[in-house]
C-alpha atoms as a PDB file:
ATOM      1  CA  MET A   1     131.491  24.057  -0.568  1.00  0.00           C
ATOM      2  CA  LEU A   2     130.941  25.350  -4.095  1.00  0.00           C
ATOM      3  CA  GLU A   3     127.988  27.424  -2.850  1.00  0.00           C
ATOM      4  CA  ARG A   4     130.188  29.008  -0.193  1.00  0.00           C
ATOM      5  CA  ARG A   5     132.813  29.971  -2.799  1.00  0.00           C
ATOM      6  CA  LEU A   6     130.134  31.295  -5.128  1.00  0.00           C
ATOM      7  CA  TYR A   7     128.683  33.327  -2.302  1.00  0.00           C
ATOM      8  CA  THR A   8     132.046  34.893  -1.430  1.00  0.00           C
ATOM      9  CA  LYS A   9     132.660  35.790  -5.080  1.00  0.00           C
ATOM     10  CA  LEU A  10     129.191  37.283  -5.360  1.00  0.00           C
ATOM     11  CA  GLU A  11     129.638  39.219  -2.123  1.00  0.00           C
ATOM     12  CA  ASP A  12     132.911  40.702  -3.420  1.00  0.00           C
ATOM     13  CA  GLU A  13     131.223  41.648  -6.672  1.00  0.00           C
ATOM     14  CA  VAL A  14     128.281  43.296  -4.882  1.00  0.00           C
ATOM     15  CA  ILE A  15     130.634  45.302  -2.663  1.00  0.00           C
ATOM     16  CA  ARG A  16     132.611  46.432  -5.711  1.00  0.00           C
ATOM     17  CA  VAL A  17     129.462  47.513  -7.589  1.00  0.00           C
ATOM     18  CA  LEU A  18     128.003  49.308  -4.571  1.00  0.00           C
ATOM     19  CA  ARG A  19     131.298  51.159  -4.060  1.00  0.00           C
ATOM     20  CA  GLU A  20     131.250  52.227  -7.725  1.00  0.00           C
ATOM     21  CA  LYS A  21     127.783  53.648  -7.076  1.00  0.00           C
ATOM     22  CA  GLN A  22     129.232  55.656  -4.168  1.00  0.00           C
ATOM     23  CA  VAL A  23     127.336  53.699  -1.508  1.00  0.00           C
ATOM     24  CA  SER A  24     129.028  54.251   1.868  1.00  0.00           C
ATOM     25  CA  VAL A  25     131.007  51.445   3.473  1.00  0.00           C
ATOM     26  CA  ARG A  26     128.754  51.650   6.555  1.00  0.00           C
ATOM     27  CA  GLU A  27     125.621  51.247   4.426  1.00  0.00           C
ATOM     28  CA  ILE A  28     127.127  48.239   2.629  1.00  0.00           C
ATOM     29  CA  ALA A  29     128.048  46.677   5.988  1.00  0.00           C
ATOM     30  CA  ASP A  30     124.500  47.250   7.299  1.00  0.00           C
ATOM     31  CA  ARG A  31     123.016  45.584   4.238  1.00  0.00           C
ATOM     32  CA  LEU A  32     125.386  42.612   4.462  1.00  0.00           C
ATOM     33  CA  ASP A  33     124.633  42.248   8.190  1.00  0.00           C
ATOM     34  CA  ARG A  34     120.947  41.967   7.368  1.00  0.00           C
ATOM     35  CA  SER A  35     121.478  39.159   4.875  1.00  0.00           C
ATOM     36  CA  PRO A  36     119.943  35.765   5.778  1.00  0.00           C
ATOM     37  CA  SER A  37     122.068  32.975   7.219  1.00  0.00           C
ATOM     38  CA  SER A  38     121.353  30.243   4.652  1.00  0.00           C
ATOM     39  CA  VAL A  39     123.843  30.421   1.789  1.00  0.00           C
ATOM     40  CA  ARG A  40     121.137  29.989  -0.847  1.00  0.00           C
ATOM     41  CA  GLN A  41     119.060  32.812   0.657  1.00  0.00           C
ATOM     42  CA  ARG A  42     122.124  35.017   0.990  1.00  0.00           C
ATOM     43  CA  ILE A  43     122.919  34.574  -2.699  1.00  0.00           C
ATOM     44  CA  THR A  44     119.366  35.635  -3.577  1.00  0.00           C
ATOM     45  CA  TYR A  45     119.627  38.575  -1.167  1.00  0.00           C
ATOM     46  CA  LEU A  46     122.945  39.708  -2.647  1.00  0.00           C
ATOM     47  CA  ARG A  47     121.496  39.546  -6.140  1.00  0.00           C
ATOM     48  CA  SER A  48     118.693  41.832  -4.997  1.00  0.00           C
ATOM     49  CA  LEU A  49     121.219  44.288  -3.488  1.00  0.00           C
ATOM     50  CA  HIS A  50     122.972  44.342  -6.822  1.00  0.00           C
ATOM     51  CA  ARG A  51     119.817  45.765  -8.422  1.00  0.00           C
ATOM     52  CA  ILE A  52     119.362  48.555  -5.865  1.00  0.00           C
ATOM     53  CA  ARG A  53     119.916  52.030  -7.386  1.00  0.00           C
END
C-alpha cells in the first residue's frame, strides 16, 4: 500500500514538473498511458520522465 501512495505522490510531482516545463496535457497523458503496470516499474518510469527535457 505504501508503494501505491508513493507512486501517486510521484505521479503528481511529475505532472507538476512537466506542466512547469510547458509540456501539453495531452503529451503528459500519453506518457502516463505508456507507463508499465507494475508499481515498481511505474515508479522507475516516472523518474525517467522527470529527467526528460
